[in-house]
């Protein structure tokens, strides 16, 4: 792959009444260009990841990035969307422009503002990333979709409540050290495992601690070709990518397999010439804890039905053989839809250059894997990153 990340910006995720989609876009775009040491006039192309689906009354948002600097006027700018994988779709689009020689420097921004939307509408908006003829009336929205997946998994492989609580507890403990995380509190296994007034069941066997947060936030990065990157202050190379799109209706596939996830991982690992065990860590899409559990299996960490081993035997802890979500994941960091995939790339790049916040840094991180998923394993994106030599 010919693209490198040479600068970035990441605002904290959370609930921000004083922010707008525009203000967040302008903030991270400006900071990312400054971090890369470039001016707006150096940018050849802009890609904005913004899901929206009714969260913001302002649609047609690609040109909002131009508000960051008058010199961005007349630059090609495109908004991309692929449900919860929107951020990675934007990053991959920028990589393609670099690889094709269509652009030398690409500014990629991911953004979402969700918290100003009333609760019932949030569920309705998110359900637009499901197949409406079959799942449009699912109670509890997308939590209901994944609650159903969890129920089917439990029926096939046994009660996995302990494993899900361990995943939640791990990610919350990791999030304590991430200054960008929406929730920086180690709530512990017992709290995650037990039903309580503060941790009620939401859908099927999923409790509140099994669900990612409704968030506002933005992140941005600057891409350039690897030759140009050698002249920059810092660089992380995109060693390989993989993208696999699956059927939207869950009825057309075995939803417990996450086959698109498997295909995307296989594509990226093969292209990179590495194996899963070569990775220093993985940032994966834990929109719900059951998703992370199934992703252990889909990425090849464990055989099917044995994902619980990875968490129960400590493999995915920060000091395990393959740390997963050292950032705290979507569970603790938050999940502003369009920003999530960009965030994953930024935080992974920080790790690889030994610039992650204290307590979050993975020792001697040399190779990063990222998996960002849209819908119920419909849009599947994998990136393999390494420090520039």
Protein backbone atom coordinates (compact mmCIF):
# COMPACT_ATOMS: atom_id res chain seq x y z
CA UNK A 1 0.00 0.00 0.00
CA UNK A 2 1.34 3.44 -0.89
CA UNK A 3 -0.41 5.68 1.68
CA UNK A 4 0.81 6.93 5.04
CA UNK A 5 -0.79 8.82 7.92
CA UNK A 6 1.32 11.92 8.63
CA UNK A 7 -0.87 13.94 10.99
CA UNK A 8 -4.03 13.69 13.04
CA UNK A 9 -6.44 15.24 15.48
CA UNK A 10 -8.91 13.70 17.95
CA UNK A 11 -11.33 15.57 20.16
CA UNK A 12 -12.77 13.93 23.28
CA UNK A 13 -15.99 12.01 22.67
CA UNK A 14 -19.03 12.75 24.82
CA UNK A 15 -22.11 14.94 25.07
CA UNK A 16 -21.45 18.48 23.86
CA UNK A 17 -24.43 20.83 23.79
CA UNK A 18 -22.30 23.78 22.67
CA UNK A 19 -20.83 21.93 19.66
CA UNK A 20 -22.28 21.42 16.19
CA UNK A 21 -21.28 19.11 13.35
CA UNK A 22 -19.67 22.14 11.73
CA UNK A 23 -17.71 23.26 14.79
CA UNK A 24 -16.35 19.77 15.40
CA UNK A 25 -15.36 19.31 11.75
CA UNK A 26 -13.58 22.67 11.68
CA UNK A 27 -11.78 21.93 14.95
CA UNK A 28 -10.28 18.57 13.99
CA UNK A 29 -9.57 19.53 10.36
CA UNK A 30 -7.60 22.58 11.49
CA UNK A 31 -5.72 20.61 14.16
CA UNK A 32 -4.89 17.70 11.83
CA UNK A 33 -3.40 19.97 9.17
CA UNK A 34 -1.34 21.77 11.81
CA UNK A 35 -0.20 18.43 13.26
CA UNK A 36 0.94 17.28 9.81
CA UNK A 37 2.76 20.55 9.24
CA UNK A 38 0.83 21.35 6.07
CA UNK A 39 -1.25 24.31 4.96
CA UNK A 40 -4.77 24.09 3.57
CA UNK A 41 -3.41 24.94 0.13
CA UNK A 42 -1.40 21.68 0.20
CA UNK A 43 -4.57 19.54 0.43
CA UNK A 44 -5.58 17.89 -2.85
CA UNK A 45 -8.75 16.15 -1.72
CA UNK A 46 -11.12 16.04 1.25
CA UNK A 47 -13.14 13.01 2.38
CA UNK A 48 -15.74 13.40 5.12
CA UNK A 49 -17.23 10.43 6.97
CA UNK A 50 -20.68 11.41 8.30
CA UNK A 51 -23.49 8.88 8.79
CA UNK A 52 -26.23 11.30 9.93
CA UNK A 53 -29.45 9.32 9.10
CA UNK A 54 -31.44 12.07 10.79
CA UNK A 55 -29.14 12.92 13.71
CA UNK A 56 -28.33 16.34 12.27
CA UNK A 57 -30.75 18.60 10.38
CA UNK A 58 -27.78 19.79 8.32
CA UNK A 59 -27.18 17.24 5.58
CA UNK A 60 -24.93 17.59 2.49
CA UNK A 61 -22.00 18.15 4.84
CA UNK A 62 -18.85 17.57 2.73
CA UNK A 63 -18.34 21.30 2.18
CA UNK A 64 -18.41 22.04 5.90
CA UNK A 65 -14.75 21.00 5.98
CA UNK A 66 -14.01 24.05 3.81
CA UNK A 67 -15.05 26.23 6.77
CA UNK A 68 -11.74 25.31 8.41
CA UNK A 69 -9.72 27.49 6.00
CA UNK A 70 -10.58 29.66 2.97
CA UNK A 71 -7.71 27.95 1.09
CA UNK A 72 -9.78 24.74 1.04
CA UNK A 73 -12.28 26.40 -1.31
CA UNK A 74 -12.65 24.56 -4.63
CA UNK A 75 -10.83 21.44 -3.35
CA UNK A 76 -12.67 18.21 -4.24
CA UNK A 77 -14.70 17.21 -1.19
CA UNK A 78 -16.90 14.12 -0.87
CA UNK A 79 -18.98 12.73 1.95
CA UNK A 80 -18.97 8.94 2.27
CA UNK A 81 -21.29 6.77 4.36
CA UNK A 82 -21.36 3.07 5.20
CA UNK A 83 -23.30 2.87 8.46
CA UNK A 84 -21.11 2.41 11.55
CA UNK A 85 -18.08 1.79 9.30
CA UNK A 86 -18.42 5.27 7.78
CA UNK A 87 -15.13 6.50 9.30
CA UNK A 88 -13.09 3.65 7.84
CA UNK A 89 -14.91 4.02 4.53
CA UNK A 90 -13.63 7.61 4.45
CA UNK A 91 -10.07 6.55 5.33
CA UNK A 92 -10.08 3.78 2.71
CA UNK A 93 -11.41 6.21 0.09
CA UNK A 94 -8.53 8.56 0.83
CA UNK A 95 -6.06 5.68 0.57
CA UNK A 96 -7.47 4.78 -2.85
CA UNK A 97 -7.02 8.34 -4.11
CA UNK A 98 -3.38 8.31 -2.98
CA UNK A 99 -2.77 4.85 -4.48
CA UNK A 100 -4.34 5.90 -7.79
CA UNK A 101 -2.15 8.98 -7.98
CA UNK A 102 -5.24 11.17 -8.05
CA UNK A 103 -4.11 13.06 -4.94
CA UNK A 104 -0.86 13.62 -3.08
CA UNK A 105 -2.37 14.85 0.20
CA UNK A 106 -5.84 13.88 1.42
CA UNK A 107 -7.59 15.29 4.49
CA UNK A 108 -9.96 12.73 6.05
CA UNK A 109 -12.49 13.82 8.68
CA UNK A 110 -15.04 11.74 10.59
CA UNK A 111 -17.85 13.31 12.62
CA UNK A 112 -21.18 12.63 14.29
CA UNK A 113 -23.47 14.46 16.68
CA UNK A 114 -26.00 12.11 18.25
CA UNK A 115 -26.83 13.39 21.73
CA UNK A 116 -29.12 16.24 20.68
CA UNK A 117 -31.53 13.65 19.25
CA UNK A 118 -34.34 12.40 21.54
CA UNK A 119 -33.90 8.80 22.74
CA UNK A 120 -36.64 7.11 20.67
CA UNK A 121 -35.37 8.82 17.51
CA UNK A 122 -31.82 7.62 18.19
CA UNK A 123 -33.02 4.02 18.03
CA UNK A 124 -35.02 4.73 14.88
CA UNK A 125 -32.06 6.44 13.18
CA UNK A 126 -29.69 3.59 13.99
CA UNK A 127 -32.18 0.99 12.74
CA UNK A 128 -31.78 2.54 9.30
CA UNK A 129 -28.53 0.56 9.18
CA UNK A 130 -30.58 -2.66 9.33
CA UNK A 131 -32.77 -4.29 6.69
CA UNK A 132 -36.04 -2.49 7.35
CA UNK A 133 -38.44 -5.01 5.74
CA UNK A 134 -37.27 -7.59 8.29
CA UNK A 135 -35.85 -5.63 11.22
CA UNK A 136 -37.51 -2.21 11.04
CA UNK A 137 -39.84 -2.88 13.96
CA UNK A 138 -37.22 -4.42 16.26
CA UNK A 139 -37.87 -3.30 19.87
CA UNK A 140 -34.96 -1.39 21.45
CA UNK A 141 -33.55 -0.49 18.03
CA UNK A 142 -30.11 -1.78 17.10
CA UNK A 143 -29.61 -3.02 20.66
CA UNK A 144 -32.56 -5.27 19.90
CA UNK A 145 -30.84 -6.54 16.75
CA UNK A 146 -27.68 -7.46 18.66
CA UNK A 147 -29.72 -8.70 21.60
CA UNK A 148 -31.25 -11.19 19.17
CA UNK A 149 -27.79 -12.16 17.91
CA UNK A 150 -26.62 -12.69 21.50
CA UNK A 151 -29.67 -14.84 22.22
CA UNK A 152 -28.95 -17.04 19.20
CA UNK A 153 -25.29 -17.33 20.22
CA UNK A 154 -26.29 -18.36 23.76
CA UNK A 155 -28.72 -20.94 22.39
CA UNK A 156 -26.01 -22.48 20.19
CA UNK A 157 -22.95 -22.22 22.43
CA UNK A 158 -24.30 -21.76 25.95
CA UNK A 159 -24.70 -18.79 28.29
CA UNK A 160 -21.84 -16.34 27.67
CA UNK A 161 -22.86 -13.72 30.25
CA UNK A 162 -19.54 -14.05 32.10
CA UNK A 163 -17.53 -13.52 28.91
CA UNK A 164 -19.60 -10.48 27.88
CA UNK A 165 -19.18 -8.92 31.32
CA UNK A 166 -15.44 -9.57 31.18
CA UNK A 167 -15.23 -7.85 27.78
CA UNK A 168 -17.15 -4.84 29.12
CA UNK A 169 -15.00 -4.67 32.25
CA UNK A 170 -11.78 -4.92 30.19
CA UNK A 171 -12.78 -2.11 27.88
CA UNK A 172 -13.94 0.16 30.70
CA UNK A 173 -10.65 -0.45 32.55
CA UNK A 174 -8.73 0.42 29.37
CA UNK A 175 -10.81 3.55 28.80
CA UNK A 176 -9.64 5.03 32.11
CA UNK A 177 -6.30 5.82 30.45
CA UNK A 178 -7.79 7.30 27.26
CA UNK A 179 -8.26 11.08 27.59
CA UNK A 180 -10.53 11.03 24.52
CA UNK A 181 -12.93 8.46 26.01
CA UNK A 182 -16.46 9.42 26.92
CA UNK A 183 -16.51 7.16 29.99
CA UNK A 184 -13.30 6.94 31.99
CA UNK A 185 -14.41 4.74 34.86
CA UNK A 186 -13.33 1.22 35.78
CA UNK A 187 -16.70 -0.24 36.77
CA UNK A 188 -15.41 -3.78 37.37
CA UNK A 189 -16.62 -7.25 36.41
CA UNK A 190 -19.24 -7.62 39.13
CA UNK A 191 -21.07 -4.45 38.12
CA UNK A 192 -21.04 -5.49 34.44
CA UNK A 193 -22.18 -9.02 35.28
CA UNK A 194 -25.06 -8.11 37.58
CA UNK A 195 -28.44 -6.72 36.67
CA UNK A 196 -29.17 -3.61 38.71
CA UNK A 197 -31.05 -0.35 38.59
CA UNK A 198 -27.95 1.23 37.01
CA UNK A 199 -27.31 -1.77 34.75
CA UNK A 200 -30.68 -3.06 33.55
CA UNK A 201 -31.29 -5.51 30.74
CA UNK A 202 -31.72 -3.61 27.47
CA UNK A 203 -32.42 -6.33 24.90
CA UNK A 204 -32.23 -10.11 25.22
CA UNK A 205 -29.24 -11.00 27.42
CA UNK A 206 -27.58 -7.62 26.82
CA UNK A 207 -27.41 -5.16 29.72
CA UNK A 208 -26.57 -1.49 29.60
CA UNK A 209 -22.87 -2.27 30.12
CA UNK A 210 -22.97 -4.42 26.97
CA UNK A 211 -23.90 -1.45 24.78
CA UNK A 212 -21.71 1.32 23.36
CA UNK A 213 -22.50 4.93 24.21
CA UNK A 214 -24.46 7.54 22.29
CA UNK A 215 -21.82 10.13 21.47
CA UNK A 216 -20.75 13.36 19.84
CA UNK A 217 -17.25 13.67 18.46
CA UNK A 218 -14.85 14.02 15.57
CA UNK A 219 -11.40 12.89 14.47
CA UNK A 220 -9.26 13.68 11.44
CA UNK A 221 -6.09 12.52 9.75
CA UNK A 222 -3.86 13.52 6.86
CA UNK A 223 -2.79 10.97 4.26
CA UNK A 224 -0.01 11.21 1.74
CA UNK A 225 2.02 8.84 -0.41
CA UNK A 226 4.78 6.96 1.37
CA UNK A 227 7.57 8.75 -0.50
CA UNK A 228 6.29 12.17 0.50
CA UNK A 229 5.76 10.84 4.03
CA UNK A 230 9.52 10.33 4.39
CA UNK A 231 9.93 14.12 4.30
CA UNK A 232 7.30 14.70 7.00
CA UNK A 233 7.76 14.92 10.76
CA UNK A 234 6.14 11.54 11.42
CA UNK A 235 4.56 8.76 9.42
CA UNK A 236 2.58 5.56 9.89
CA UNK A 237 2.23 3.39 6.80
CA UNK A 238 -1.00 1.70 5.74
CA UNK A 239 0.49 -1.71 5.05
CA UNK A 240 -2.75 -3.28 3.81
CA UNK A 241 -6.51 -2.91 3.77
CA UNK A 242 -9.46 -5.22 3.30
CA UNK A 243 -13.13 -4.44 2.65
CA UNK A 244 -15.91 -7.00 2.35
CA UNK A 245 -19.58 -6.06 1.99
CA UNK A 246 -22.17 -8.68 2.90
CA UNK A 247 -25.92 -9.06 2.37
CA UNK A 248 -28.01 -6.55 4.33
CA UNK A 249 -30.76 -9.03 5.35
CA UNK A 250 -29.56 -11.24 8.21
CA UNK A 251 -31.93 -13.92 6.90
CA UNK A 252 -29.59 -14.45 3.91
CA UNK A 253 -26.58 -15.48 6.05
CA UNK A 254 -25.55 -17.15 9.29
CA UNK A 255 -25.44 -14.10 11.55
CA UNK A 256 -23.29 -15.91 14.13
CA UNK A 257 -20.47 -16.31 11.61
CA UNK A 258 -19.68 -12.65 10.79
CA UNK A 259 -18.37 -14.00 7.48
CA UNK A 260 -17.70 -10.53 6.02
CA UNK A 261 -15.46 -9.81 8.99
CA UNK A 262 -13.53 -13.01 8.31
CA UNK A 263 -13.14 -12.20 4.60
CA UNK A 264 -11.95 -8.63 5.29
CA UNK A 265 -9.38 -9.88 7.81
CA UNK A 266 -8.16 -12.58 5.44
CA UNK A 267 -7.80 -10.07 2.58
CA UNK A 268 -5.85 -7.59 4.67
CA UNK A 269 -3.57 -10.13 6.37
CA UNK A 270 -2.78 -11.81 3.06
CA UNK A 271 -2.05 -8.47 1.40
CA UNK A 272 0.19 -7.47 4.32
CA UNK A 273 1.99 -10.81 4.27
CA UNK A 274 1.44 -11.32 7.99
CA UNK A 275 -0.61 -13.51 10.32
CA UNK A 276 -2.96 -12.46 13.09
CA UNK A 277 -0.39 -13.47 15.67
CA UNK A 278 2.09 -10.97 14.23
CA UNK A 279 -0.08 -8.04 15.32
CA UNK A 280 0.86 -6.06 18.42
CA UNK A 281 -2.77 -5.13 19.15
CA UNK A 282 -6.20 -4.79 17.55
CA UNK A 283 -8.82 -2.06 17.73
CA UNK A 284 -12.10 -3.82 16.96
CA UNK A 285 -15.74 -2.79 16.66
CA UNK A 286 -17.38 -3.51 20.03
CA UNK A 287 -20.66 -1.70 19.39
CA UNK A 288 -22.00 -4.41 21.70
CA UNK A 289 -19.93 -6.84 23.75
CA UNK A 290 -21.32 -9.79 21.81
CA UNK A 291 -19.87 -8.23 18.64
CA UNK A 292 -16.36 -8.26 20.12
CA UNK A 293 -16.89 -11.86 21.25
CA UNK A 294 -17.90 -13.03 17.76
CA UNK A 295 -15.12 -10.93 16.19
CA UNK A 296 -12.53 -12.93 18.17
CA UNK A 297 -13.75 -15.94 16.23
CA UNK A 298 -14.21 -14.19 12.88
CA UNK A 299 -10.68 -12.77 12.90
CA UNK A 300 -9.29 -16.24 13.63
CA UNK A 301 -8.21 -15.75 17.25
CA UNK A 302 -10.31 -18.74 18.37
CA UNK A 303 -12.41 -21.43 16.66
CA UNK A 304 -16.13 -20.77 16.21
CA UNK A 305 -18.06 -20.88 19.45
CA UNK A 306 -14.93 -20.52 21.58
CA UNK A 307 -14.52 -16.74 21.65
CA UNK A 308 -14.97 -16.74 25.42
CA UNK A 309 -11.57 -18.42 25.77
CA UNK A 310 -9.83 -15.31 24.47
CA UNK A 311 -11.23 -13.09 27.23
CA UNK A 312 -11.35 -15.67 30.03
CA UNK A 313 -7.72 -16.70 29.50
CA UNK A 314 -6.54 -13.09 29.30
CA UNK A 315 -5.41 -13.15 25.67
CA UNK A 316 -7.07 -9.81 24.84
CA UNK A 317 -6.01 -7.88 27.93
CA UNK A 318 -3.43 -5.10 27.48
CA UNK A 319 -0.71 -7.50 28.67
CA UNK A 320 -2.14 -10.50 26.78
CA UNK A 321 -0.88 -12.15 23.60
CA UNK A 322 -3.18 -9.97 21.44
CA UNK A 323 -4.46 -6.86 23.25
CA UNK A 324 -7.88 -5.87 21.93
CA UNK A 325 -9.25 -2.35 22.30
CA UNK A 326 -6.50 -0.79 24.45
CA UNK A 327 -8.33 2.50 23.79
CA UNK A 328 -11.38 1.24 25.67
CA UNK A 329 -13.15 0.49 22.42
CA UNK A 330 -16.52 1.88 21.46
CA UNK A 331 -17.76 0.61 24.83
CA UNK A 332 -15.82 3.17 26.86
CA UNK A 333 -14.59 5.63 24.22
CA UNK A 334 -18.03 6.23 22.74
CA UNK A 335 -19.37 5.65 19.24
CA UNK A 336 -20.07 8.83 17.26
CA UNK A 337 -20.84 6.86 14.12
CA UNK A 338 -18.96 8.74 11.40
CA UNK A 339 -15.96 9.44 13.62
CA UNK A 340 -15.38 5.91 14.94
CA UNK A 341 -13.28 4.47 12.11
CA UNK A 342 -11.13 7.61 11.84
CA UNK A 343 -10.64 7.49 15.62
CA UNK A 344 -9.47 3.88 15.39
CA UNK A 345 -6.82 4.82 12.82
CA UNK A 346 -5.65 7.86 14.80
CA UNK A 347 -5.32 6.00 18.11
CA UNK A 348 -3.57 3.07 16.41
CA UNK A 349 -1.12 5.45 14.74
CA UNK A 350 -0.39 6.99 18.14
CA UNK A 351 0.36 3.54 19.55
CA UNK A 352 2.77 2.68 16.74
CA UNK A 353 4.78 5.86 17.23
CA UNK A 354 4.85 5.37 21.01
CA UNK A 355 2.71 8.51 21.40
CA UNK A 356 -0.36 6.98 23.05
CA UNK A 357 -1.40 8.46 26.40
CA UNK A 358 0.32 7.09 29.49
CA UNK A 359 -1.32 3.87 30.65
CA UNK A 360 -2.82 3.22 27.23
CA UNK A 361 0.45 2.62 25.38
CA UNK A 362 1.14 -0.97 24.26
CA UNK A 363 4.81 -1.74 24.82
CA UNK A 364 6.87 -2.16 21.63
CA UNK A 365 3.83 -1.86 19.34
CA UNK A 366 5.01 -2.62 15.79
CA UNK A 367 1.92 -3.73 13.86
CA UNK A 368 -1.70 -2.69 14.38
CA UNK A 369 -4.94 -4.27 13.18
CA UNK A 370 -8.18 -2.31 12.91
CA UNK A 371 -11.67 -3.73 12.31
CA UNK A 372 -14.59 -1.35 11.79
CA UNK A 373 -18.04 -2.74 11.06
CA UNK A 374 -21.22 -1.24 9.62
CA UNK A 375 -24.56 -2.78 10.52
CA UNK A 376 -24.63 -6.38 11.73
CA UNK A 377 -21.38 -7.42 9.97
CA UNK A 378 -22.55 -5.91 6.67
CA UNK A 379 -19.80 -3.36 5.93
CA UNK A 380 -16.48 -4.82 7.06
CA UNK A 381 -13.22 -2.85 6.92
CA UNK A 382 -9.77 -3.96 8.08
CA UNK A 383 -6.57 -1.90 8.06
CA UNK A 384 -3.05 -3.08 8.94
CA UNK A 385 -0.75 -0.24 10.09
CA UNK A 386 2.98 -0.07 10.83
CA UNK A 387 5.46 2.71 11.61
CA UNK A 388 7.27 4.09 8.57
CA UNK A 389 10.73 2.60 8.31
